[in-house]
Amino acid sequence: MANLRSSKKDIRRIAKKTEKNRATKSAIKTYIKKAKSAEGEAAGSAVVSAIKALDKAVQNGVIHKNQAARRKSRLVKAVGPVEAPAKKAAKPAAEKKPAATKKAPAKKPTEKKAE
């Protein structure tokens, strides 16, 4: 056991972090198992939620980004091509109006006075 106060605090902090990371990794495994066993319409939403959980784990530093990419790739390969559930119909890029650009005001020509 550590003697320094800061070391004791570090041990407590690491224990909390380890517990949180374990829970996250376990949840990821559960999402992947559900996605692999799902069929039909449910398969698409299950795959999307599994991918979302993997991306969140990468953001929080629980797993490495390459590990998440590998898991996502293997999941999609195992489940097969799945259509993601459409949330909203987005407008095609061609129909969007271009952003208005501000133009600098034109400078008036200065007149030289004849002296």
C-alpha atoms as a PDB file:
ATOM      1  CA  MET A   1       0.000   0.000   0.000  1.00  0.00           C
ATOM      2  CA  ALA A   2       1.215   3.488  -0.831  1.00  0.00           C
ATOM      3  CA  ASN A   3       2.294   5.846   1.921  1.00  0.00           C
ATOM      4  CA  LEU A   4       1.890   9.213   0.236  1.00  0.00           C
ATOM      5  CA  ARG A   5      -1.485  10.887   0.270  1.00  0.00           C
ATOM      6  CA  SER A   6      -1.324  11.674  -3.447  1.00  0.00           C
ATOM      7  CA  SER A   7      -0.444   8.056  -4.226  1.00  0.00           C
ATOM      8  CA  LYS A   8      -3.438   6.814  -2.256  1.00  0.00           C
ATOM      9  CA  LYS A   9      -5.633   9.232  -4.169  1.00  0.00           C
ATOM     10  CA  ASP A  10      -4.134   8.013  -7.464  1.00  0.00           C
ATOM     11  CA  ILE A  11      -4.994   4.432  -6.544  1.00  0.00           C
ATOM     12  CA  ARG A  12      -8.615   5.387  -5.811  1.00  0.00           C
ATOM     13  CA  ARG A  13      -8.841   7.383  -9.044  1.00  0.00           C
ATOM     14  CA  ILE A  14      -7.405   4.552 -11.132  1.00  0.00           C
ATOM     15  CA  ALA A  15      -9.838   2.076  -9.538  1.00  0.00           C
ATOM     16  CA  LYS A  16     -12.804   4.273 -10.557  1.00  0.00           C
ATOM     17  CA  LYS A  17     -11.457   4.688 -14.092  1.00  0.00           C
ATOM     18  CA  THR A  18     -10.835   0.938 -14.428  1.00  0.00           C
ATOM     19  CA  GLU A  19     -14.375   0.134 -13.317  1.00  0.00           C
ATOM     20  CA  LYS A  20     -15.843   2.629 -15.793  1.00  0.00           C
ATOM     21  CA  ASN A  21     -13.692   1.273 -18.648  1.00  0.00           C
ATOM     22  CA  ARG A  22     -14.703  -2.314 -17.831  1.00  0.00           C
ATOM     23  CA  ALA A  23     -18.374  -1.363 -17.934  1.00  0.00           C
ATOM     24  CA  THR A  24     -17.917   0.402 -21.287  1.00  0.00           C
ATOM     25  CA  LYS A  25     -16.060  -2.549 -22.821  1.00  0.00           C
ATOM     26  CA  SER A  26     -18.734  -4.930 -21.584  1.00  0.00           C
ATOM     27  CA  ALA A  27     -21.472  -2.741 -23.067  1.00  0.00           C
ATOM     28  CA  ILE A  28     -19.653  -2.703 -26.417  1.00  0.00           C
ATOM     29  CA  LYS A  29     -19.500  -6.504 -26.449  1.00  0.00           C
ATOM     30  CA  THR A  30     -23.225  -6.664 -25.677  1.00  0.00           C
ATOM     31  CA  TYR A  31     -24.072  -4.229 -28.511  1.00  0.00           C
ATOM     32  CA  ILE A  32     -22.016  -6.285 -30.961  1.00  0.00           C
ATOM     33  CA  LYS A  33     -23.645  -9.577 -29.879  1.00  0.00           C
ATOM     34  CA  LYS A  34     -27.126  -8.039 -30.262  1.00  0.00           C
ATOM     35  CA  ALA A  35     -26.238  -6.681 -33.708  1.00  0.00           C
ATOM     36  CA  LYS A  36     -24.965 -10.073 -34.888  1.00  0.00           C
ATOM     37  CA  SER A  37     -28.071 -11.890 -33.644  1.00  0.00           C
ATOM     38  CA  ALA A  38     -30.599  -9.297 -34.907  1.00  0.00           C
ATOM     39  CA  GLU A  39     -32.499  -9.863 -38.132  1.00  0.00           C
ATOM     40  CA  GLY A  40     -34.370  -7.703 -40.618  1.00  0.00           C
ATOM     41  CA  GLU A  41     -35.165  -4.115 -39.743  1.00  0.00           C
ATOM     42  CA  ALA A  42     -33.796  -4.478 -36.211  1.00  0.00           C
ATOM     43  CA  ALA A  43     -30.386  -5.459 -37.578  1.00  0.00           C
ATOM     44  CA  GLY A  44     -29.825  -2.022 -39.117  1.00  0.00           C
ATOM     45  CA  SER A  45     -30.576  -0.107 -35.934  1.00  0.00           C
ATOM     46  CA  ALA A  46     -28.574  -2.618 -33.851  1.00  0.00           C
ATOM     47  CA  VAL A  47     -25.517  -2.177 -36.073  1.00  0.00           C
ATOM     48  CA  VAL A  48     -25.854   1.610 -35.928  1.00  0.00           C
ATOM     49  CA  SER A  49     -26.063   1.566 -32.120  1.00  0.00           C
ATOM     50  CA  ALA A  50     -23.037  -0.765 -31.901  1.00  0.00           C
ATOM     51  CA  ILE A  51     -21.011   1.540 -34.138  1.00  0.00           C
ATOM     52  CA  LYS A  52     -22.112   4.542 -32.106  1.00  0.00           C
ATOM     53  CA  ALA A  53     -20.980   2.813 -28.881  1.00  0.00           C
ATOM     54  CA  LEU A  54     -17.596   2.015 -30.436  1.00  0.00           C
ATOM     55  CA  ASP A  55     -17.126   5.635 -31.528  1.00  0.00           C
ATOM     56  CA  LYS A  56     -18.035   6.887 -28.046  1.00  0.00           C
ATOM     57  CA  ALA A  57     -15.495   4.501 -26.495  1.00  0.00           C
ATOM     58  CA  VAL A  58     -12.811   5.920 -28.780  1.00  0.00           C
ATOM     59  CA  GLN A  59     -13.755   9.485 -27.817  1.00  0.00           C
ATOM     60  CA  ASN A  60     -13.508   8.624 -24.124  1.00  0.00           C
ATOM     61  CA  GLY A  61     -10.167   6.887 -24.587  1.00  0.00           C
ATOM     62  CA  VAL A  62     -11.418   3.434 -23.588  1.00  0.00           C
ATOM     63  CA  ILE A  63     -10.262   1.723 -26.791  1.00  0.00           C
ATOM     64  CA  HIS A  64      -7.900   2.694 -29.600  1.00  0.00           C
ATOM     65  CA  LYS A  65      -9.354   4.068 -32.836  1.00  0.00           C
ATOM     66  CA  ASN A  66      -7.815   1.247 -34.875  1.00  0.00           C
ATOM     67  CA  GLN A  67      -9.441  -1.350 -32.626  1.00  0.00           C
ATOM     68  CA  ALA A  68     -12.807   0.350 -33.117  1.00  0.00           C
ATOM     69  CA  ALA A  69     -12.291   0.435 -36.889  1.00  0.00           C
ATOM     70  CA  ARG A  70     -11.408  -3.272 -36.904  1.00  0.00           C
ATOM     71  CA  ARG A  71     -14.454  -4.182 -34.807  1.00  0.00           C
ATOM     72  CA  LYS A  72     -16.790  -2.112 -36.984  1.00  0.00           C
ATOM     73  CA  SER A  73     -15.383  -3.679 -40.126  1.00  0.00           C
ATOM     74  CA  ARG A  74     -15.773  -7.208 -38.795  1.00  0.00           C
ATOM     75  CA  LEU A  75     -19.289  -6.469 -37.549  1.00  0.00           C
ATOM     76  CA  VAL A  76     -20.496  -5.133 -40.897  1.00  0.00           C
ATOM     77  CA  LYS A  77     -18.807  -8.021 -42.686  1.00  0.00           C
ATOM     78  CA  ALA A  78     -20.493 -10.574 -40.386  1.00  0.00           C
ATOM     79  CA  VAL A  79     -23.962  -9.013 -40.555  1.00  0.00           C
ATOM     80  CA  GLY A  80     -23.838  -8.250 -44.258  1.00  0.00           C
ATOM     81  CA  PRO A  81     -24.966  -5.122 -46.073  1.00  0.00           C
ATOM     82  CA  VAL A  82     -27.509  -3.351 -43.908  1.00  0.00           C
ATOM     83  CA  GLU A  83     -29.417  -0.187 -44.659  1.00  0.00           C
ATOM     84  CA  ALA A  84     -29.132   2.375 -41.871  1.00  0.00           C
ATOM     85  CA  PRO A  85     -32.515   3.651 -40.691  1.00  0.00           C
ATOM     86  CA  ALA A  86     -33.207   7.008 -42.325  1.00  0.00           C
ATOM     87  CA  LYS A  87     -33.893   9.796 -39.856  1.00  0.00           C
ATOM     88  CA  LYS A  88     -34.721  12.660 -42.214  1.00  0.00           C
ATOM     89  CA  ALA A  89     -34.633  13.062 -45.939  1.00  0.00           C
ATOM     90  CA  ALA A  90     -31.774  15.440 -46.605  1.00  0.00           C
ATOM     91  CA  LYS A  91     -31.833  17.815 -49.533  1.00  0.00           C
ATOM     92  CA  PRO A  92     -29.427  16.980 -52.318  1.00  0.00           C
ATOM     93  CA  ALA A  93     -26.332  19.154 -52.398  1.00  0.00           C
ATOM     94  CA  ALA A  94     -27.313  20.652 -55.774  1.00  0.00           C
ATOM     95  CA  GLU A  95     -30.501  22.209 -54.389  1.00  0.00           C
ATOM     96  CA  LYS A  96     -28.849  24.008 -51.493  1.00  0.00           C
ATOM     97  CA  LYS A  97     -28.314  27.701 -51.920  1.00  0.00           C
ATOM     98  CA  PRO A  98     -24.712  28.900 -51.785  1.00  0.00           C
ATOM     99  CA  ALA A  99     -23.748  30.812 -48.692  1.00  0.00           C
ATOM    100  CA  ALA A 100     -23.940  34.569 -49.073  1.00  0.00           C
ATOM    101  CA  THR A 101     -20.525  36.142 -49.246  1.00  0.00           C
ATOM    102  CA  LYS A 102     -19.866  39.612 -47.967  1.00  0.00           C
ATOM    103  CA  LYS A 103     -18.197  41.882 -50.415  1.00  0.00           C
ATOM    104  CA  ALA A 104     -16.064  44.749 -49.297  1.00  0.00           C
ATOM    105  CA  PRO A 105     -17.682  48.092 -50.136  1.00  0.00           C
ATOM    106  CA  ALA A 106     -16.301  49.639 -53.301  1.00  0.00           C
ATOM    107  CA  LYS A 107     -13.888  52.482 -52.703  1.00  0.00           C
ATOM    108  CA  LYS A 108     -14.836  55.785 -54.199  1.00  0.00           C
ATOM    109  CA  PRO A 109     -12.218  57.297 -56.457  1.00  0.00           C
ATOM    110  CA  THR A 110     -10.560  60.213 -54.824  1.00  0.00           C
ATOM    111  CA  GLU A 111     -10.471  63.416 -56.799  1.00  0.00           C
ATOM    112  CA  LYS A 112      -7.273  65.395 -56.891  1.00  0.00           C
ATOM    113  CA  LYS A 113      -7.747  69.090 -56.458  1.00  0.00           C
ATOM    114  CA  ALA A 114      -5.915  71.334 -58.825  1.00  0.00           C
ATOM    115  CA  GLU A 115      -4.145  74.102 -57.037  1.00  0.00           C
END
